[in-house]
Amino acid sequence: MPTSVAPSVSRATDIVDLRSALEFLASIPGQLVSTREPVDPVAELAGVYRLVGAGTPVMPPTRIGPAMLFESVKGYTMPVVTGVLASRLRTALLLNSTVERLPFDLLDALNHPHTPVVIPASDAPCQQVVLHPPFDLRTLIPAPTNTLKDAGPYFNMGLIRAEDPETGESDVTIHRLCLQGPDLLSVYFVPGRHIDAFRIKAEARGEALPVSISMGLDPAVYLAACFEPPTTPLGFDELTIAGGLRRRPVELVQCVSVNAKAIARAEIVLEGEILPHERIREDVQTNTGFCMPEFPGYLGKAQPSLPLIRIKAITHRLHPILQTIIGPGEEHVNLAGIPTEASILKLVNDSMPGKLLGVYCHSAGGGKYLAILQFKKSAPSDEGRQRQAALTAFAAFPELKHVILVDEDVNLYDTNDVLWAMTTRYQGDVSTIFIPGVRCHPLDPSQSPDFSPSIPADATSCKTIFDCTVPYRLKERFRRAEFVDVDLKRFLP
């Protein structure tokens, strides 16, 4: 495949991998740009995409723009693509959906799963080229460094797949992977992640945990992999959701060097083992004290002791493309947020069908911290149920920090409209519900005793509901001015 992308795939239903996704995007004006200008993977590549299309919460100036293919990366022959999912509209296009329908379509895929299938190695594009040690990951694959303070180069779109050493149940998750040597990666697990649970079990037995790391994938696979409990409990295979999105099973292939399976249509697969009882300081190469930009928009702290993965083989397609993501930004918002929206919809609609009309995990919260819920009150008995929906959202996604409730006449995707509701339908003393002392996501820098005396320990937060809905008894008083419907094509052909 040439590095420049020709638009030969014209329908989202024909997407089967990253390449066909890029071909599809190339057929739509404004969704993919390519550059042959040489770019340095150390900080420069991320600096360019910050201005092109990274989006909030990357520090301004930034914007939502096209995906970008860097065809000439200094020191490497492999191109790098970023921003494939860095637009909600583009994500919807890639899934044959709409901006509003995305969480509903993910929920439908959850309810109509397709179990993955294992195909022969001869049919797996990811094994067209097989490399055994000795090799040096750092010279073969252009893993970017996002800022000059990063702990090192990172693979941050690596989908790790592993199996429970006791039950054989599988899981897939994206974790940040820092290159620590020719064949070594450190891996950071937020506490509670399922593959970390597998690692802990293997380590207790004195065993390494075999893993595959697949990079450059069908966007449906990446989105499905970002579902979290309680929607997908321990032992749930998120690849079944990806199959549901595409209405066909995801194809796997047996690894060549470890007892694990990889995504057969990946661009690149790293095969390896998480080593038992071996740890490394994340910034051991640079001593900066930082890891990389995290999804809240700040540089994350380097972890003092992380598990190590030793890579046993590299397999890839002919002329592979590395896929990456800017740490914070709209791509993380969509990867984390859209599955969360589906999870919230599921739990709320299970308890009060038809009341929750929509959910948006806002960019300002990185797709994790802030959700806007659109709730419809149809009777006096519905008053208060909107707050129950917010509490259910916190139960559905424990890392959620703030919920804003709005009525059905408010566009939850329009921040101006949401702030209008907060201005005209909200009184701080009666419309705010505080839930202090609740465990939240560890990367929020404000949840510290230094910030508030109400916080007993790091990673504990005061979760808050902002009820910007009109009391049912007052709905007539808050009816928005209605305008005449017109055919705009008469005036703006």
Protein backbone atom coordinates (compact mmCIF):
# COMPACT_ATOMS: atom_id res chain seq x y z
CA MET A 1 0.00 0.00 0.00
CA PRO A 2 1.44 3.42 -0.92
CA THR A 3 1.76 5.84 1.97
CA SER A 4 -0.48 8.40 0.26
CA VAL A 5 -4.06 7.28 0.69
CA ALA A 6 -6.29 6.85 -2.35
CA PRO A 7 -10.06 7.00 -1.69
CA SER A 8 -11.09 3.52 -2.84
CA VAL A 9 -13.43 2.68 0.08
CA SER A 10 -16.56 4.80 -0.20
CA ARG A 11 -18.81 3.21 2.47
CA ALA A 12 -18.28 2.88 6.21
CA THR A 13 -19.71 -0.63 6.06
CA ASP A 14 -16.65 -1.67 4.00
CA ILE A 15 -14.17 -0.69 6.74
CA VAL A 16 -12.29 -3.70 8.10
CA ASP A 17 -9.02 -2.17 9.36
CA LEU A 18 -7.08 1.07 9.64
CA ARG A 19 -6.20 1.17 5.94
CA SER A 20 -9.76 0.91 4.74
CA ALA A 21 -10.76 3.50 7.37
CA LEU A 22 -8.18 5.94 5.96
CA GLU A 23 -9.32 5.23 2.41
CA PHE A 24 -12.89 5.98 3.48
CA LEU A 25 -11.86 9.24 5.15
CA ALA A 26 -9.93 10.26 2.03
CA SER A 27 -13.21 10.13 0.11
CA ILE A 28 -14.78 12.79 2.39
CA PRO A 29 -13.53 16.37 2.05
CA GLY A 30 -11.87 17.75 5.16
CA GLN A 31 -11.53 14.47 7.08
CA LEU A 32 -7.93 13.45 6.26
CA VAL A 33 -4.81 15.37 5.28
CA SER A 34 -1.37 14.05 4.40
CA THR A 35 2.01 15.71 4.50
CA ARG A 36 5.37 14.70 3.03
CA GLU A 37 7.21 17.40 4.98
CA PRO A 38 9.77 15.63 7.22
CA VAL A 39 8.68 15.68 10.87
CA ASP A 40 10.60 14.86 14.03
CA PRO A 41 8.76 12.28 16.19
CA VAL A 42 10.29 13.93 19.27
CA ALA A 43 7.71 16.58 20.24
CA GLU A 44 7.37 18.10 16.75
CA LEU A 45 4.76 15.68 15.40
CA ALA A 46 2.51 16.27 18.40
CA GLY A 47 3.18 20.00 18.17
CA VAL A 48 1.94 20.03 14.59
CA TYR A 49 -1.23 18.08 15.30
CA ARG A 50 -2.00 20.25 18.32
CA LEU A 51 -2.65 23.06 15.83
CA VAL A 52 -4.31 20.91 13.17
CA GLY A 53 -6.89 18.91 15.08
CA ALA A 54 -6.09 17.81 18.64
CA GLY A 55 -8.98 19.69 20.28
CA THR A 56 -9.85 20.30 23.95
CA PRO A 57 -8.36 19.86 26.55
CA VAL A 58 -5.08 20.43 24.69
CA MET A 59 -3.82 23.92 25.53
CA PRO A 60 -4.98 26.58 23.02
CA PRO A 61 -4.47 27.30 20.24
CA THR A 62 -6.01 24.04 19.12
CA ARG A 63 -9.11 22.97 17.23
CA ILE A 64 -11.08 20.01 15.94
CA GLY A 65 -9.72 19.27 12.48
CA PRO A 66 -8.90 16.41 10.10
CA ALA A 67 -6.96 13.26 10.84
CA MET A 68 -3.36 13.63 9.69
CA LEU A 69 -0.94 11.22 8.00
CA PHE A 70 2.75 12.07 8.37
CA GLU A 71 4.39 10.30 5.45
CA SER A 72 8.00 11.29 6.22
CA VAL A 73 9.12 10.77 9.81
CA LYS A 74 12.76 11.66 10.41
CA GLY A 75 14.94 8.58 10.93
CA TYR A 76 12.23 6.09 9.91
CA THR A 77 10.60 4.65 6.83
CA MET A 78 7.27 4.08 8.61
CA PRO A 79 4.53 6.74 8.38
CA VAL A 80 2.46 7.84 11.40
CA VAL A 81 -1.23 8.72 11.48
CA THR A 82 -3.01 10.52 14.30
CA GLY A 83 -6.44 12.00 14.96
CA VAL A 84 -8.47 9.24 13.29
CA LEU A 85 -11.11 9.56 16.03
CA ALA A 86 -10.39 13.18 17.01
CA SER A 87 -13.80 14.42 15.85
CA ARG A 88 -17.20 13.20 16.96
CA LEU A 89 -18.53 13.71 13.43
CA ARG A 90 -15.65 11.71 11.94
CA THR A 91 -16.15 8.97 14.51
CA ALA A 92 -19.83 8.81 13.53
CA LEU A 93 -18.96 8.65 9.84
CA LEU A 94 -16.50 5.80 10.45
CA LEU A 95 -19.21 3.82 12.27
CA ASN A 96 -21.97 4.59 9.76
CA SER A 97 -23.75 6.55 12.47
CA THR A 98 -24.59 10.15 13.42
CA VAL A 99 -23.30 12.43 16.17
CA GLU A 100 -26.48 11.92 18.18
CA ARG A 101 -26.86 8.20 17.50
CA LEU A 102 -23.32 7.12 18.45
CA PRO A 103 -23.98 5.98 22.05
CA PHE A 104 -27.24 4.33 21.02
CA ASP A 105 -25.46 2.39 18.26
CA LEU A 106 -22.78 1.26 20.72
CA LEU A 107 -25.52 0.13 23.07
CA ASP A 108 -27.17 -1.78 20.22
CA ALA A 109 -23.83 -3.48 19.46
CA LEU A 110 -23.50 -4.40 23.14
CA ASN A 111 -26.90 -6.08 22.92
CA HIS A 112 -26.10 -7.83 19.61
CA PRO A 113 -22.53 -9.11 19.99
CA HIS A 114 -20.45 -11.13 17.53
CA THR A 115 -17.86 -13.49 19.00
CA PRO A 116 -14.32 -13.12 17.55
CA VAL A 117 -12.96 -15.86 15.28
CA VAL A 118 -9.40 -17.17 14.93
CA ILE A 119 -8.07 -17.31 11.38
CA PRO A 120 -4.96 -19.05 9.99
CA ALA A 121 -1.67 -17.16 10.04
CA SER A 122 -1.58 -17.35 6.24
CA ASP A 123 -4.72 -15.18 6.11
CA ALA A 124 -3.61 -12.66 8.76
CA PRO A 125 -2.19 -9.44 7.26
CA CYS A 126 -0.49 -8.56 10.56
CA GLN A 127 1.93 -11.48 10.08
CA GLN A 128 3.10 -10.63 6.55
CA VAL A 129 6.46 -9.72 8.14
CA VAL A 130 7.82 -11.47 11.24
CA LEU A 131 10.84 -10.21 13.22
CA HIS A 132 12.52 -12.22 15.97
CA PRO A 133 15.17 -10.88 18.39
CA PRO A 134 17.60 -9.26 18.36
CA PHE A 135 15.88 -6.04 17.36
CA ASP A 136 15.52 -2.51 18.67
CA LEU A 137 11.98 -1.17 18.88
CA ARG A 138 13.33 2.36 19.19
CA THR A 139 14.91 2.31 15.72
CA LEU A 140 12.22 0.26 13.96
CA ILE A 141 9.02 2.05 14.96
CA PRO A 142 8.69 5.87 15.25
CA ALA A 143 6.96 6.06 18.64
CA PRO A 144 6.37 9.77 19.26
CA THR A 145 7.39 11.85 22.23
CA ASN A 146 4.55 14.31 22.86
CA THR A 147 6.50 16.98 24.77
CA LEU A 148 10.12 17.67 25.65
CA LYS A 149 9.39 16.62 29.25
CA ASP A 150 8.01 13.16 28.40
CA ALA A 151 9.56 10.15 30.12
CA GLY A 152 10.36 8.79 26.66
CA PRO A 153 8.71 7.74 23.42
CA TYR A 154 5.29 6.13 23.86
CA PHE A 155 3.00 3.73 22.08
CA ASN A 156 -0.37 5.08 23.19
CA MET A 157 -2.71 3.32 20.78
CA GLY A 158 -1.49 -0.16 21.65
CA LEU A 159 -4.42 -2.49 22.29
CA ILE A 160 -3.23 -5.06 24.83
CA ARG A 161 -4.96 -8.44 24.76
CA ALA A 162 -4.39 -11.07 27.43
CA GLU A 163 -6.16 -14.01 29.02
CA ASP A 164 -6.90 -14.79 32.65
CA PRO A 165 -4.31 -17.44 33.65
CA GLU A 166 -6.95 -19.23 35.75
CA THR A 167 -10.13 -19.03 33.66
CA GLY A 168 -8.89 -18.34 30.12
CA GLU A 169 -11.27 -15.37 29.83
CA SER A 170 -9.85 -12.57 27.70
CA ASP A 171 -9.76 -8.79 27.84
CA VAL A 172 -8.57 -5.95 25.63
CA THR A 173 -7.53 -2.50 26.89
CA ILE A 174 -5.47 0.50 25.77
CA HIS A 175 -2.65 1.46 28.16
CA ARG A 176 0.29 3.82 27.83
CA LEU A 177 3.50 2.00 26.92
CA CYS A 178 6.87 3.71 27.30
CA LEU A 179 9.87 2.36 25.37
CA GLN A 180 12.48 1.50 27.98
CA GLY A 181 14.98 -0.47 25.91
CA PRO A 182 15.47 -2.40 22.67
CA ASP A 183 12.84 -4.95 23.65
CA LEU A 184 11.33 -3.51 26.86
CA LEU A 185 8.18 -1.49 27.52
CA SER A 186 6.78 -0.20 30.78
CA VAL A 187 3.01 -0.36 31.16
CA TYR A 188 0.79 1.78 33.39
CA PHE A 189 -2.45 0.27 34.72
CA VAL A 190 -4.99 2.46 36.50
CA PRO A 191 -5.96 0.39 39.58
CA GLY A 192 -8.74 -2.06 38.85
CA ARG A 193 -8.04 -2.64 35.17
CA HIS A 194 -8.77 -6.19 34.09
CA ILE A 195 -5.47 -7.04 32.42
CA ASP A 196 -3.72 -5.88 35.58
CA ALA A 197 -5.91 -8.35 37.47
CA PHE A 198 -4.65 -11.07 35.10
CA ARG A 199 -1.07 -9.90 35.68
CA ILE A 200 -1.49 -10.05 39.46
CA LYS A 201 -2.80 -13.61 39.22
CA ALA A 202 0.10 -14.69 36.99
CA GLU A 203 2.66 -12.99 39.22
CA ALA A 204 1.25 -14.74 42.29
CA ARG A 205 2.04 -18.01 40.49
CA GLY A 206 5.54 -16.78 39.60
CA GLU A 207 4.59 -16.70 35.92
CA ALA A 208 4.86 -14.17 33.12
CA LEU A 209 1.61 -13.06 31.49
CA PRO A 210 1.62 -13.47 27.67
CA VAL A 211 0.20 -10.46 25.84
CA SER A 212 -0.26 -9.12 22.36
CA ILE A 213 -0.12 -5.39 21.59
CA SER A 214 -2.00 -4.59 18.39
CA MET A 215 -1.61 -1.14 16.81
CA GLY A 216 -3.35 0.43 13.84
CA LEU A 217 -6.89 -0.95 13.95
CA ASP A 218 -10.45 -0.62 12.72
CA PRO A 219 -11.89 2.31 14.75
CA ALA A 220 -14.74 0.04 15.89
CA VAL A 221 -12.22 -2.14 17.74
CA TYR A 222 -10.67 0.80 19.58
CA LEU A 223 -14.06 2.20 20.64
CA ALA A 224 -15.40 -1.15 21.83
CA ALA A 225 -12.24 -1.76 23.85
CA CYS A 226 -12.93 1.39 25.90
CA PHE A 227 -16.08 0.05 27.58
CA GLU A 228 -15.63 -0.35 31.32
CA PRO A 229 -17.44 -1.99 34.28
CA PRO A 230 -20.19 -2.36 35.23
CA THR A 231 -21.27 -2.59 31.59
CA THR A 232 -18.40 -4.95 30.78
CA PRO A 233 -17.44 -6.87 33.95
CA LEU A 234 -14.30 -8.94 34.45
CA GLY A 235 -14.28 -11.70 31.85
CA PHE A 236 -16.37 -9.79 29.29
CA ASP A 237 -14.74 -9.74 25.84
CA GLU A 238 -15.16 -6.21 24.43
CA LEU A 239 -14.23 -7.47 20.96
CA THR A 240 -17.74 -8.93 20.81
CA ILE A 241 -19.01 -5.31 20.84
CA ALA A 242 -16.71 -4.39 17.96
CA GLY A 243 -18.19 -7.33 16.09
CA GLY A 244 -21.66 -6.03 16.88
CA LEU A 245 -20.76 -2.59 15.52
CA ARG A 246 -19.55 -4.08 12.22
CA ARG A 247 -22.09 -6.94 12.21
CA ARG A 248 -19.26 -9.40 11.65
CA PRO A 249 -16.72 -11.00 13.99
CA VAL A 250 -13.33 -9.50 14.71
CA GLU A 251 -10.58 -11.72 13.32
CA LEU A 252 -7.80 -12.92 15.64
CA VAL A 253 -4.62 -14.83 14.92
CA GLN A 254 -2.37 -16.94 17.14
CA CYS A 255 0.88 -15.14 18.01
CA VAL A 256 4.14 -16.59 16.69
CA SER A 257 6.20 -16.35 19.89
CA VAL A 258 3.85 -16.36 22.91
CA ASN A 259 0.60 -18.06 23.88
CA ALA A 260 -1.63 -15.12 23.01
CA LYS A 261 -3.83 -13.94 20.16
CA ALA A 262 -3.63 -10.66 18.26
CA ILE A 263 -5.91 -8.62 16.01
CA ALA A 264 -5.32 -10.23 12.62
CA ARG A 265 -5.81 -7.05 10.57
CA ALA A 266 -3.59 -4.83 12.77
CA GLU A 267 -0.83 -2.81 11.14
CA ILE A 268 1.72 -3.81 13.81
CA VAL A 269 1.71 -6.41 16.60
CA LEU A 270 4.18 -6.58 19.48
CA GLU A 271 4.20 -9.99 21.13
CA GLY A 272 5.54 -10.27 24.64
CA GLU A 273 5.23 -11.14 28.29
CA ILE A 274 4.60 -9.02 31.38
CA LEU A 275 7.47 -10.11 33.59
CA PRO A 276 6.73 -11.22 37.16
CA HIS A 277 8.30 -9.27 40.05
CA GLU A 278 10.16 -6.86 37.73
CA ARG A 279 9.53 -3.12 37.92
CA ILE A 280 10.99 0.06 36.44
CA ARG A 281 10.73 3.77 37.17
CA GLU A 282 8.82 5.30 34.26
CA ASP A 283 11.19 8.23 33.67
CA VAL A 284 14.40 6.30 34.24
CA GLN A 285 15.72 7.49 30.85
CA THR A 286 15.04 11.22 31.30
CA ASN A 287 14.56 11.93 35.03
CA THR A 288 12.00 14.62 34.17
CA GLY A 289 9.52 13.51 36.83
CA PHE A 290 6.78 13.35 34.19
CA CYS A 291 5.34 10.66 31.96
CA MET A 292 3.36 12.23 29.09
CA PRO A 293 0.35 14.55 28.68
CA GLU A 294 -2.63 12.87 30.35
CA PHE A 295 -6.26 13.19 29.28
CA PRO A 296 -7.13 16.02 31.77
CA GLY A 297 -4.67 18.24 29.88
CA TYR A 298 -1.76 18.20 32.33
CA LEU A 299 1.59 16.45 32.23
CA GLY A 300 1.21 13.29 34.26
CA LYS A 301 3.62 12.31 37.01
CA ALA A 302 6.05 9.54 36.15
CA GLN A 303 5.21 6.41 38.09
CA PRO A 304 7.93 5.16 40.43
CA SER A 305 7.40 1.44 39.84
CA LEU A 306 5.75 -0.03 36.76
CA PRO A 307 5.53 -3.57 35.35
CA LEU A 308 7.78 -4.44 32.41
CA ILE A 309 6.87 -6.13 29.13
CA ARG A 310 9.59 -7.99 27.25
CA ILE A 311 8.87 -8.14 23.53
CA LYS A 312 9.53 -11.58 22.03
CA ALA A 313 8.55 -10.85 18.41
CA ILE A 314 7.34 -8.06 16.13
CA THR A 315 4.94 -8.80 13.31
CA HIS A 316 3.52 -6.30 10.85
CA ARG A 317 1.90 -5.77 7.50
CA LEU A 318 3.86 -4.81 4.42
CA HIS A 319 4.51 -1.05 4.59
CA PRO A 320 2.93 -0.65 8.04
CA ILE A 321 1.42 2.57 9.42
CA LEU A 322 1.87 3.48 13.09
CA GLN A 323 -1.27 4.92 14.68
CA THR A 324 -0.87 7.30 17.61
CA ILE A 325 -2.88 9.76 19.71
CA ILE A 326 -2.08 13.07 21.36
CA GLY A 327 -2.42 12.38 25.11
CA PRO A 328 -5.24 14.80 25.92
CA GLY A 329 -7.64 16.00 23.26
CA GLU A 330 -10.76 15.15 21.32
CA GLU A 331 -9.56 11.68 20.31
CA HIS A 332 -9.32 10.56 23.93
CA VAL A 333 -12.67 12.27 24.60
CA ASN A 334 -14.36 10.11 21.97
CA LEU A 335 -12.56 6.89 22.84
CA ALA A 336 -13.38 7.18 26.53
CA GLY A 337 -16.57 9.19 26.38
CA ILE A 338 -18.78 7.52 23.79
CA PRO A 339 -18.68 4.06 25.45
CA THR A 340 -19.35 5.82 28.76
CA GLU A 341 -22.39 7.52 27.24
CA ALA A 342 -23.69 4.13 26.14
CA SER A 343 -23.12 2.70 29.62
CA ILE A 344 -25.00 5.56 31.30
CA LEU A 345 -27.88 5.23 28.83
CA LYS A 346 -28.09 1.52 29.55
CA LEU A 347 -28.27 1.79 33.33
CA VAL A 348 -30.63 4.78 33.44
CA ASN A 349 -32.99 3.39 30.81
CA ASP A 350 -33.05 0.04 32.60
CA SER A 351 -34.45 1.82 35.67
CA MET A 352 -36.58 4.55 34.06
CA PRO A 353 -37.19 3.82 30.35
CA GLY A 354 -37.65 6.71 27.98
CA LYS A 355 -36.68 9.49 30.39
CA LEU A 356 -33.03 9.93 29.47
CA LEU A 357 -32.97 11.26 25.89
CA GLY A 358 -29.25 11.69 25.50
CA VAL A 359 -25.83 11.75 27.17
CA TYR A 360 -22.72 13.67 26.17
CA CYS A 361 -19.36 13.18 27.90
CA HIS A 362 -18.03 16.67 27.31
CA SER A 363 -14.58 17.45 25.90
CA ALA A 364 -13.74 19.62 28.92
CA GLY A 365 -13.75 16.50 31.07
CA GLY A 366 -11.60 14.48 28.70
CA GLY A 367 -14.52 12.11 28.11
CA LYS A 368 -14.39 10.92 31.73
CA TYR A 369 -15.03 13.70 34.26
CA LEU A 370 -18.06 15.60 32.91
CA ALA A 371 -21.35 14.26 31.54
CA ILE A 372 -24.35 16.25 30.32
CA LEU A 373 -27.65 14.38 30.67
CA GLN A 374 -30.75 15.39 28.72
CA PHE A 375 -33.80 14.38 30.75
CA LYS A 376 -37.51 14.63 29.93
CA LYS A 377 -40.05 15.28 32.67
CA SER A 378 -43.53 14.24 31.51
CA ALA A 379 -45.49 14.31 34.79
CA PRO A 380 -45.25 15.78 38.30
CA SER A 381 -43.98 12.40 39.54
CA ASP A 382 -40.91 12.82 37.32
CA GLU A 383 -39.64 15.68 39.48
CA GLY A 384 -36.54 14.41 41.27
CA ARG A 385 -36.03 11.49 38.92
CA GLN A 386 -33.56 13.59 36.93
CA ARG A 387 -31.33 13.61 40.01
CA GLN A 388 -31.77 9.86 40.36
CA ALA A 389 -30.52 9.59 36.76
CA ALA A 390 -27.42 11.56 37.74
CA LEU A 391 -26.79 9.26 40.70
CA THR A 392 -27.19 6.27 38.37
CA ALA A 393 -24.62 7.84 36.03
CA PHE A 394 -22.14 8.01 38.90
CA ALA A 395 -22.82 4.35 39.60
CA ALA A 396 -22.38 3.45 35.94
CA PHE A 397 -19.04 5.21 35.71
CA PRO A 398 -17.22 5.76 39.02
CA GLU A 399 -14.58 8.02 37.42
CA LEU A 400 -17.27 10.60 36.56
CA LYS A 401 -16.91 13.80 38.61
CA HIS A 402 -19.60 16.27 37.44
CA VAL A 403 -23.07 15.78 35.94
CA ILE A 404 -25.04 18.63 34.37
CA LEU A 405 -28.77 17.94 33.94
CA VAL A 406 -30.68 19.74 31.17
CA ASP A 407 -34.20 19.62 29.73
CA GLU A 408 -35.22 18.18 26.38
CA ASP A 409 -35.20 21.61 24.69
CA VAL A 410 -31.48 22.12 25.38
CA ASN A 411 -28.88 20.96 22.85
CA LEU A 412 -26.50 18.97 25.04
CA TYR A 413 -23.76 19.14 22.35
CA ASP A 414 -23.85 22.96 22.30
CA THR A 415 -21.88 24.31 25.26
CA ASN A 416 -23.43 27.75 24.81
CA ASP A 417 -26.91 26.25 25.14
CA VAL A 418 -25.88 24.26 28.22
CA LEU A 419 -24.42 27.38 29.85
CA TRP A 420 -27.61 29.25 28.95
CA ALA A 421 -29.57 26.60 30.86
CA MET A 422 -27.15 26.91 33.77
CA THR A 423 -27.64 30.67 33.74
CA THR A 424 -31.45 30.79 33.49
CA ARG A 425 -32.59 27.47 35.01
CA TYR A 426 -30.16 27.05 37.90
CA GLN A 427 -29.82 28.54 41.38
CA GLY A 428 -26.65 27.47 43.15
CA ASP A 429 -28.16 27.02 46.61
CA VAL A 430 -31.05 24.76 45.53
CA SER A 431 -29.82 23.28 42.23
CA THR A 432 -26.45 21.88 43.35
CA ILE A 433 -26.02 18.49 44.98
CA PHE A 434 -22.65 17.70 46.56
CA ILE A 435 -21.50 14.13 47.18
CA PRO A 436 -18.20 14.50 49.06
CA GLY A 437 -15.57 11.93 49.87
CA VAL A 438 -16.07 9.64 46.86
CA ARG A 439 -13.30 7.78 45.07
CA CYS A 440 -12.72 9.18 41.58
CA HIS A 441 -10.07 9.02 38.83
CA PRO A 442 -6.51 9.47 40.17
CA LEU A 443 -5.39 11.91 37.44
CA ASP A 444 -7.48 14.91 38.55
CA PRO A 445 -4.90 17.25 40.14
CA SER A 446 -7.55 19.12 42.15
CA GLN A 447 -8.60 16.12 44.23
CA SER A 448 -5.99 16.54 46.91
CA PRO A 449 -6.08 17.60 50.58
CA ASP A 450 -3.86 20.51 49.51
CA PHE A 451 -6.69 21.78 47.32
CA SER A 452 -9.60 21.29 49.73
CA PRO A 453 -9.74 20.34 53.42
CA SER A 454 -12.85 18.26 52.61
CA ILE A 455 -10.71 15.78 50.68
CA PRO A 456 -9.25 13.17 53.04
CA ALA A 457 -6.80 11.60 50.58
CA ASP A 458 -5.56 11.86 46.99
CA ALA A 459 -7.92 10.47 44.33
CA THR A 460 -10.97 11.27 46.49
CA SER A 461 -13.34 13.88 45.11
CA CYS A 462 -16.53 15.80 45.77
CA LYS A 463 -18.84 14.65 43.01
CA THR A 464 -21.38 17.28 42.02
CA ILE A 465 -24.75 17.39 40.26
CA PHE A 466 -25.73 20.67 38.59
CA ASP A 467 -29.49 20.43 38.10
CA CYS A 468 -30.23 22.87 35.28
CA THR A 469 -33.72 21.49 34.62
CA VAL A 470 -36.90 23.47 35.14
CA PRO A 471 -39.11 22.28 38.04
CA TYR A 472 -42.04 20.49 36.44
CA ARG A 473 -44.61 22.81 38.04
CA LEU A 474 -42.91 25.80 36.37
CA LYS A 475 -42.41 24.41 32.86
CA GLU A 476 -44.83 26.83 31.18
CA ARG A 477 -42.94 29.80 32.61
CA PHE A 478 -39.72 28.59 30.99
CA ARG A 479 -40.99 27.87 27.48
CA ARG A 480 -38.47 29.15 24.93
CA ALA A 481 -39.52 31.68 22.30
CA GLU A 482 -40.69 29.82 19.22
CA PHE A 483 -39.82 30.94 15.70
CA VAL A 484 -41.47 30.19 12.38
CA ASP A 485 -40.05 27.20 10.49
CA VAL A 486 -38.68 28.21 7.10
CA ASP A 487 -37.11 26.55 4.09
CA LEU A 488 -33.60 27.97 4.30
CA LYS A 489 -32.73 26.68 0.81
CA ARG A 490 -34.93 29.45 -0.60
CA PHE A 491 -32.57 32.04 0.86
CA LEU A 492 -29.21 30.21 0.95
CA PRO A 493 -29.22 27.75 -1.99
